[in-house]
Amino acid sequence: MSREFEEMLTTVSPEVATLAQQARALIQNVMPHVVEVVWVTQRISGYGVGPKKMSEQFCYIALFTERINLGFYYGADLPDPQNLLEGTGQTMRHVKIIHPEQLENPALRDLVVLASTHLPKLKK
């Protein structure tokens, strides 16, 4: 775990920190060589092929008081048959994660897989 990610986790409860660690593990499982960029003061970590949010990253983890958001920069383009995604922005969507069991949902993993592979803007 990067020093920055660990530092970011110190700003939330142990329960929320655990959710973030599990979400991070899911992302790394889908894309083992993922590039992680952490913005400690914003309590956000982004994941993709480089440091640029909208052109090189496909998802992010945002920390809140009682939950995390697992967000997708181009989530509006993702098929979501289980209606997990929330948000009304032009491109971004997120899933609110409150319970660890949510991270075990195969449909959530499918969203991460699709987000990591289908976007033409991501450099492979």
C-alpha atoms as a PDB file:
ATOM      1  CA  MET A   1       0.000   0.000   0.000  1.00  0.00           C
ATOM      2  CA  SER A   2       1.388   3.401  -0.918  1.00  0.00           C
ATOM      3  CA  ARG A   3       2.288   5.866   1.806  1.00  0.00           C
ATOM      4  CA  GLU A   4      -0.196   8.371   0.342  1.00  0.00           C
ATOM      5  CA  PHE A   5      -3.046   5.844   0.363  1.00  0.00           C
ATOM      6  CA  GLU A   6      -2.248   4.925   3.972  1.00  0.00           C
ATOM      7  CA  GLU A   7      -2.187   8.608   4.910  1.00  0.00           C
ATOM      8  CA  MET A   8      -5.555   9.155   3.253  1.00  0.00           C
ATOM      9  CA  LEU A   9      -7.048   6.271   5.249  1.00  0.00           C
ATOM     10  CA  THR A  10      -6.076   7.937   8.535  1.00  0.00           C
ATOM     11  CA  THR A  11      -8.732  10.587   7.851  1.00  0.00           C
ATOM     12  CA  VAL A  12     -11.659   8.148   8.119  1.00  0.00           C
ATOM     13  CA  SER A  13     -13.034   5.512  10.478  1.00  0.00           C
ATOM     14  CA  PRO A  14     -11.572   1.993  10.440  1.00  0.00           C
ATOM     15  CA  GLU A  15     -14.778   0.735   8.791  1.00  0.00           C
ATOM     16  CA  VAL A  16     -14.506   3.184   5.897  1.00  0.00           C
ATOM     17  CA  ALA A  17     -10.765   2.511   5.619  1.00  0.00           C
ATOM     18  CA  THR A  18     -11.512  -1.205   5.273  1.00  0.00           C
ATOM     19  CA  LEU A  19     -14.032  -0.522   2.496  1.00  0.00           C
ATOM     20  CA  ALA A  20     -11.425   1.568   0.664  1.00  0.00           C
ATOM     21  CA  GLN A  21      -8.784  -1.151   1.019  1.00  0.00           C
ATOM     22  CA  GLN A  22     -11.197  -3.759  -0.323  1.00  0.00           C
ATOM     23  CA  ALA A  23     -12.220  -1.562  -3.260  1.00  0.00           C
ATOM     24  CA  ARG A  24      -8.556  -0.925  -4.035  1.00  0.00           C
ATOM     25  CA  ALA A  25      -7.879  -4.683  -3.964  1.00  0.00           C
ATOM     26  CA  LEU A  26     -10.747  -5.251  -6.412  1.00  0.00           C
ATOM     27  CA  ILE A  27      -9.330  -2.674  -8.827  1.00  0.00           C
ATOM     28  CA  GLN A  28      -5.829  -4.129  -8.537  1.00  0.00           C
ATOM     29  CA  ASN A  29      -7.199  -7.631  -9.087  1.00  0.00           C
ATOM     30  CA  VAL A  30      -8.856  -6.522 -12.312  1.00  0.00           C
ATOM     31  CA  MET A  31      -5.818  -4.522 -13.487  1.00  0.00           C
ATOM     32  CA  PRO A  32      -2.677  -5.740 -11.664  1.00  0.00           C
ATOM     33  CA  HIS A  33      -0.408  -3.025 -13.087  1.00  0.00           C
ATOM     34  CA  VAL A  34      -2.838  -0.173 -12.505  1.00  0.00           C
ATOM     35  CA  VAL A  35      -1.387   3.276 -11.843  1.00  0.00           C
ATOM     36  CA  GLU A  36      -2.658   4.721  -8.564  1.00  0.00           C
ATOM     37  CA  VAL A  37      -2.699   8.470  -7.941  1.00  0.00           C
ATOM     38  CA  VAL A  38      -3.734   9.653  -4.476  1.00  0.00           C
ATOM     39  CA  TRP A  39      -4.955  13.142  -3.614  1.00  0.00           C
ATOM     40  CA  VAL A  40      -4.751  12.981   0.194  1.00  0.00           C
ATOM     41  CA  THR A  41      -6.433  16.309   0.965  1.00  0.00           C
ATOM     42  CA  GLN A  42      -9.306  15.529  -1.415  1.00  0.00           C
ATOM     43  CA  ARG A  43      -9.578  11.978   0.001  1.00  0.00           C
ATOM     44  CA  ILE A  44      -9.636  10.532  -3.509  1.00  0.00           C
ATOM     45  CA  SER A  45      -7.476   7.962  -5.243  1.00  0.00           C
ATOM     46  CA  GLY A  46      -7.644   7.467  -8.994  1.00  0.00           C
ATOM     47  CA  TYR A  47      -6.790   4.386 -11.054  1.00  0.00           C
ATOM     48  CA  GLY A  48      -5.798   3.863 -14.653  1.00  0.00           C
ATOM     49  CA  VAL A  49      -2.810   3.910 -16.970  1.00  0.00           C
ATOM     50  CA  GLY A  50      -1.438   7.298 -15.913  1.00  0.00           C
ATOM     51  CA  PRO A  51      -1.927  10.307 -13.645  1.00  0.00           C
ATOM     52  CA  LYS A  52      -4.455  12.310 -15.684  1.00  0.00           C
ATOM     53  CA  LYS A  53      -7.970  11.928 -14.289  1.00  0.00           C
ATOM     54  CA  MET A  54     -10.163  12.196 -17.353  1.00  0.00           C
ATOM     55  CA  SER A  55      -7.843  10.876 -20.043  1.00  0.00           C
ATOM     56  CA  GLU A  56      -5.778   8.156 -18.342  1.00  0.00           C
ATOM     57  CA  GLN A  57      -7.926   6.934 -15.450  1.00  0.00           C
ATOM     58  CA  PHE A  58     -11.079   4.873 -15.477  1.00  0.00           C
ATOM     59  CA  CYS A  59     -12.181   4.845 -11.838  1.00  0.00           C
ATOM     60  CA  TYR A  60     -11.644   6.362  -8.411  1.00  0.00           C
ATOM     61  CA  ILE A  61     -12.286   5.783  -4.735  1.00  0.00           C
ATOM     62  CA  ALA A  62     -13.645   8.739  -2.783  1.00  0.00           C
ATOM     63  CA  LEU A  63     -13.786   8.610   1.018  1.00  0.00           C
ATOM     64  CA  PHE A  64     -16.737   9.950   2.992  1.00  0.00           C
ATOM     65  CA  THR A  65     -17.654   9.845   6.676  1.00  0.00           C
ATOM     66  CA  GLU A  66     -19.731   6.659   6.521  1.00  0.00           C
ATOM     67  CA  ARG A  67     -19.040   5.224   3.068  1.00  0.00           C
ATOM     68  CA  ILE A  68     -16.875   5.257  -0.009  1.00  0.00           C
ATOM     69  CA  ASN A  69     -17.845   5.971  -3.573  1.00  0.00           C
ATOM     70  CA  LEU A  70     -16.395   3.735  -6.233  1.00  0.00           C
ATOM     71  CA  GLY A  71     -16.652   6.064  -9.169  1.00  0.00           C
ATOM     72  CA  PHE A  72     -16.218   5.708 -12.899  1.00  0.00           C
ATOM     73  CA  TYR A  73     -15.042   8.632 -15.002  1.00  0.00           C
ATOM     74  CA  TYR A  74     -17.029   7.377 -18.006  1.00  0.00           C
ATOM     75  CA  GLY A  75     -19.706   5.546 -16.053  1.00  0.00           C
ATOM     76  CA  ALA A  76     -22.534   6.945 -18.167  1.00  0.00           C
ATOM     77  CA  ASP A  77     -21.230   4.767 -21.022  1.00  0.00           C
ATOM     78  CA  LEU A  78     -21.186   1.532 -19.011  1.00  0.00           C
ATOM     79  CA  PRO A  79     -23.930  -1.075 -19.254  1.00  0.00           C
ATOM     80  CA  ASP A  80     -25.463  -1.393 -15.799  1.00  0.00           C
ATOM     81  CA  PRO A  81     -28.180  -4.081 -15.819  1.00  0.00           C
ATOM     82  CA  GLN A  82     -28.364  -4.174 -11.998  1.00  0.00           C
ATOM     83  CA  ASN A  83     -28.682  -0.376 -11.731  1.00  0.00           C
ATOM     84  CA  LEU A  84     -25.751  -0.018  -9.352  1.00  0.00           C
ATOM     85  CA  LEU A  85     -24.575   3.311 -10.755  1.00  0.00           C
ATOM     86  CA  GLU A  86     -25.765   6.644  -9.419  1.00  0.00           C
ATOM     87  CA  GLY A  87     -25.280  10.176 -10.656  1.00  0.00           C
ATOM     88  CA  THR A  88     -26.649  12.537 -13.245  1.00  0.00           C
ATOM     89  CA  GLY A  89     -23.489  14.064 -14.690  1.00  0.00           C
ATOM     90  CA  GLN A  90     -22.714  13.964 -18.377  1.00  0.00           C
ATOM     91  CA  THR A  91     -20.059  11.241 -18.035  1.00  0.00           C
ATOM     92  CA  MET A  92     -19.328  10.290 -14.419  1.00  0.00           C
ATOM     93  CA  ARG A  93     -21.202   7.758 -12.287  1.00  0.00           C
ATOM     94  CA  HIS A  94     -20.505   6.136  -8.911  1.00  0.00           C
ATOM     95  CA  VAL A  95     -21.603   3.323  -6.618  1.00  0.00           C
ATOM     96  CA  LYS A  96     -22.052   4.135  -2.928  1.00  0.00           C
ATOM     97  CA  ILE A  97     -20.392   1.410  -0.874  1.00  0.00           C
ATOM     98  CA  ILE A  98     -21.571   1.184   2.729  1.00  0.00           C
ATOM     99  CA  HIS A  99     -21.190  -2.556   3.430  1.00  0.00           C
ATOM    100  CA  PRO A 100     -18.275  -4.876   2.591  1.00  0.00           C
ATOM    101  CA  GLU A 101     -20.675  -7.342   0.957  1.00  0.00           C
ATOM    102  CA  GLN A 102     -21.360  -4.824  -1.814  1.00  0.00           C
ATOM    103  CA  LEU A 103     -17.767  -5.214  -2.979  1.00  0.00           C
ATOM    104  CA  GLU A 104     -18.361  -8.946  -3.496  1.00  0.00           C
ATOM    105  CA  ASN A 105     -21.153  -8.334  -6.009  1.00  0.00           C
ATOM    106  CA  PRO A 106     -20.097  -9.827  -9.386  1.00  0.00           C
ATOM    107  CA  ALA A 107     -21.956  -6.999 -11.146  1.00  0.00           C
ATOM    108  CA  LEU A 108     -19.673  -4.456  -9.462  1.00  0.00           C
ATOM    109  CA  ARG A 109     -16.608  -6.377 -10.605  1.00  0.00           C
ATOM    110  CA  ASP A 110     -18.108  -6.437 -14.125  1.00  0.00           C
ATOM    111  CA  LEU A 111     -18.348  -2.627 -14.033  1.00  0.00           C
ATOM    112  CA  VAL A 112     -14.690  -2.341 -13.050  1.00  0.00           C
ATOM    113  CA  VAL A 113     -13.653  -4.768 -15.802  1.00  0.00           C
ATOM    114  CA  LEU A 114     -15.665  -2.959 -18.451  1.00  0.00           C
ATOM    115  CA  ALA A 115     -14.466   0.446 -17.338  1.00  0.00           C
ATOM    116  CA  SER A 116     -10.843  -0.707 -17.479  1.00  0.00           C
ATOM    117  CA  THR A 117     -11.070  -2.113 -21.004  1.00  0.00           C
ATOM    118  CA  HIS A 118     -13.662  -0.428 -23.167  1.00  0.00           C
ATOM    119  CA  LEU A 119     -12.677   3.218 -23.105  1.00  0.00           C
ATOM    120  CA  PRO A 120     -10.924   4.321 -26.275  1.00  0.00           C
ATOM    121  CA  LYS A 121      -9.328   7.301 -24.496  1.00  0.00           C
ATOM    122  CA  LEU A 122      -7.248   5.027 -22.257  1.00  0.00           C
ATOM    123  CA  LYS A 123      -3.781   4.293 -23.551  1.00  0.00           C
ATOM    124  CA  LYS A 124      -3.038   0.587 -23.316  1.00  0.00           C
END
